[in-house]
Amino acid sequence: MSAVKIIATIVYAIFIGVTLLTVGNINQYLDLNSLVVVVVIAILYVISANGNESYVQKFGDGAVKAGWFGSIIGIVAIFGSDGFGNGDMQAIGASLAVCSLTVLYGYFIKIGSILLD
């Protein structure tokens, strides 16, 4: 890893952070459970995936897969919830936002891994 790649990755993370701050409330983009799902599954993917890719590439690939998997879990949970059955749009909207965060985290990590590798 070169210093240029590390700096580019840091600039990318700062740029995304500033963008999220500018768009609105930063707290709406933070969910620890969603992040844990993505990171843990990505680590497991690095450990178990075969191939010649670097660990950084495997981590990024695993993060995207984990993001989509977490989103599907969230959508199934929404459909099975009382809010969906009662037509509570406020609860459904908040739940959809949270289940979308796993995809956001997955692609955030993937782009960072592309820059870093």
Protein backbone atom coordinates (compact mmCIF):
# COMPACT_ATOMS: atom_id res chain seq x y z
CA MET A 1 0.00 0.00 0.00
CA SER A 2 1.37 3.34 -0.99
CA ALA A 3 0.95 6.61 0.83
CA VAL A 4 -1.04 8.00 -2.10
CA LYS A 5 -3.63 5.21 -1.80
CA ILE A 6 -3.97 5.73 1.94
CA ILE A 7 -4.40 9.49 1.48
CA ALA A 8 -6.95 8.95 -1.31
CA THR A 9 -8.94 6.61 0.93
CA ILE A 10 -8.88 9.12 3.81
CA VAL A 11 -9.99 11.94 1.48
CA TYR A 12 -12.81 9.68 0.20
CA ALA A 13 -14.01 8.93 3.74
CA ILE A 14 -13.89 12.63 4.69
CA PHE A 15 -15.71 13.62 1.49
CA ILE A 16 -18.51 11.12 2.14
CA GLY A 17 -18.73 12.27 5.78
CA VAL A 18 -19.01 15.92 4.75
CA THR A 19 -21.61 15.01 2.12
CA LEU A 20 -23.74 13.19 4.71
CA LEU A 21 -23.44 16.17 7.07
CA THR A 22 -24.49 18.54 4.31
CA VAL A 23 -27.48 16.47 3.20
CA GLY A 24 -29.08 16.30 6.62
CA ASN A 25 -28.98 14.87 10.08
CA ILE A 26 -25.87 12.67 10.33
CA ASN A 27 -27.59 10.44 12.91
CA GLN A 28 -29.96 9.10 10.26
CA TYR A 29 -26.96 7.46 8.56
CA LEU A 30 -25.62 5.79 11.70
CA ASP A 31 -26.82 2.38 12.88
CA LEU A 32 -24.39 0.21 14.82
CA ASN A 33 -26.31 -3.04 14.25
CA SER A 34 -26.26 -2.55 10.47
CA LEU A 35 -22.54 -1.80 10.53
CA VAL A 36 -21.81 -4.87 12.66
CA VAL A 37 -23.72 -7.12 10.24
CA VAL A 38 -21.73 -5.82 7.27
CA VAL A 39 -18.31 -5.93 8.96
CA VAL A 40 -18.72 -9.37 10.55
CA ILE A 41 -19.98 -11.01 7.36
CA ALA A 42 -17.24 -9.28 5.34
CA ILE A 43 -14.59 -10.63 7.74
CA LEU A 44 -16.05 -14.12 7.46
CA TYR A 45 -15.98 -13.74 3.67
CA VAL A 46 -12.28 -12.81 3.78
CA ILE A 47 -11.53 -15.87 5.89
CA SER A 48 -13.49 -18.34 3.80
CA ALA A 49 -13.34 -17.10 0.18
CA ASN A 50 -10.91 -18.75 -2.19
CA GLY A 51 -9.10 -16.86 -4.89
CA ASN A 52 -6.07 -14.80 -5.68
CA GLU A 53 -7.56 -11.47 -4.64
CA SER A 54 -6.00 -9.54 -1.80
CA TYR A 55 -7.62 -9.46 1.63
CA VAL A 56 -8.66 -5.87 1.00
CA GLN A 57 -10.48 -6.81 -2.22
CA LYS A 58 -12.15 -9.78 -0.52
CA PHE A 59 -13.25 -7.56 2.37
CA GLY A 60 -14.81 -5.08 -0.06
CA ASP A 61 -16.57 -7.83 -2.00
CA GLY A 62 -17.82 -9.41 1.21
CA ALA A 63 -19.08 -6.04 2.46
CA VAL A 64 -21.25 -5.54 -0.63
CA LYS A 65 -22.66 -9.06 -0.37
CA ALA A 66 -23.28 -8.55 3.35
CA GLY A 67 -24.99 -5.23 2.66
CA TRP A 68 -27.49 -6.80 0.31
CA PHE A 69 -27.99 -9.77 2.63
CA GLY A 70 -28.66 -7.42 5.55
CA SER A 71 -31.10 -5.44 3.46
CA ILE A 72 -33.05 -8.56 2.54
CA ILE A 73 -33.18 -9.55 6.21
CA GLY A 74 -34.51 -6.07 7.02
CA ILE A 75 -37.17 -6.20 4.30
CA VAL A 76 -38.40 -9.59 5.49
CA ALA A 77 -38.52 -8.23 9.05
CA ILE A 78 -40.54 -5.22 7.84
CA PHE A 79 -43.07 -7.40 6.03
CA GLY A 80 -43.49 -9.51 9.15
CA SER A 81 -43.88 -6.57 11.51
CA ASP A 82 -47.02 -5.14 13.06
CA GLY A 83 -46.31 -1.78 11.42
CA PHE A 84 -46.63 -3.31 7.98
CA GLY A 85 -49.80 -5.19 8.91
CA ASN A 86 -51.39 -2.03 10.35
CA GLY A 87 -50.26 0.20 7.47
CA ASP A 88 -48.19 2.44 9.77
CA MET A 89 -46.26 4.33 7.11
CA GLN A 90 -44.09 6.18 9.62
CA ALA A 91 -42.81 2.92 11.09
CA ILE A 92 -42.38 1.37 7.66
CA GLY A 93 -40.42 4.39 6.38
CA ALA A 94 -38.05 4.40 9.35
CA SER A 95 -37.53 0.65 9.02
CA LEU A 96 -36.81 0.90 5.29
CA ALA A 97 -34.23 3.60 5.98
CA VAL A 98 -32.43 1.39 8.48
CA CYS A 99 -32.50 -1.69 6.25
CA SER A 100 -31.02 0.40 3.41
CA LEU A 101 -28.04 1.34 5.57
CA THR A 102 -26.46 -2.10 5.19
CA VAL A 103 -26.25 -1.55 1.43
CA LEU A 104 -24.83 1.95 1.98
CA TYR A 105 -22.19 0.61 4.37
CA GLY A 106 -21.34 -2.24 2.01
CA TYR A 107 -20.70 0.02 -0.96
CA PHE A 108 -18.91 2.60 1.20
CA ILE A 109 -16.48 -0.12 2.28
CA LYS A 110 -16.21 -1.53 -1.26
CA ILE A 111 -15.24 1.81 -2.80
CA GLY A 112 -12.77 2.36 0.04
CA SER A 113 -11.24 -1.05 -0.61
CA ILE A 114 -10.92 -0.28 -4.33
CA LEU A 115 -9.07 2.92 -3.51
CA LEU A 116 -6.90 1.24 -0.89
CA ASP A 117 -5.90 -1.85 -2.86
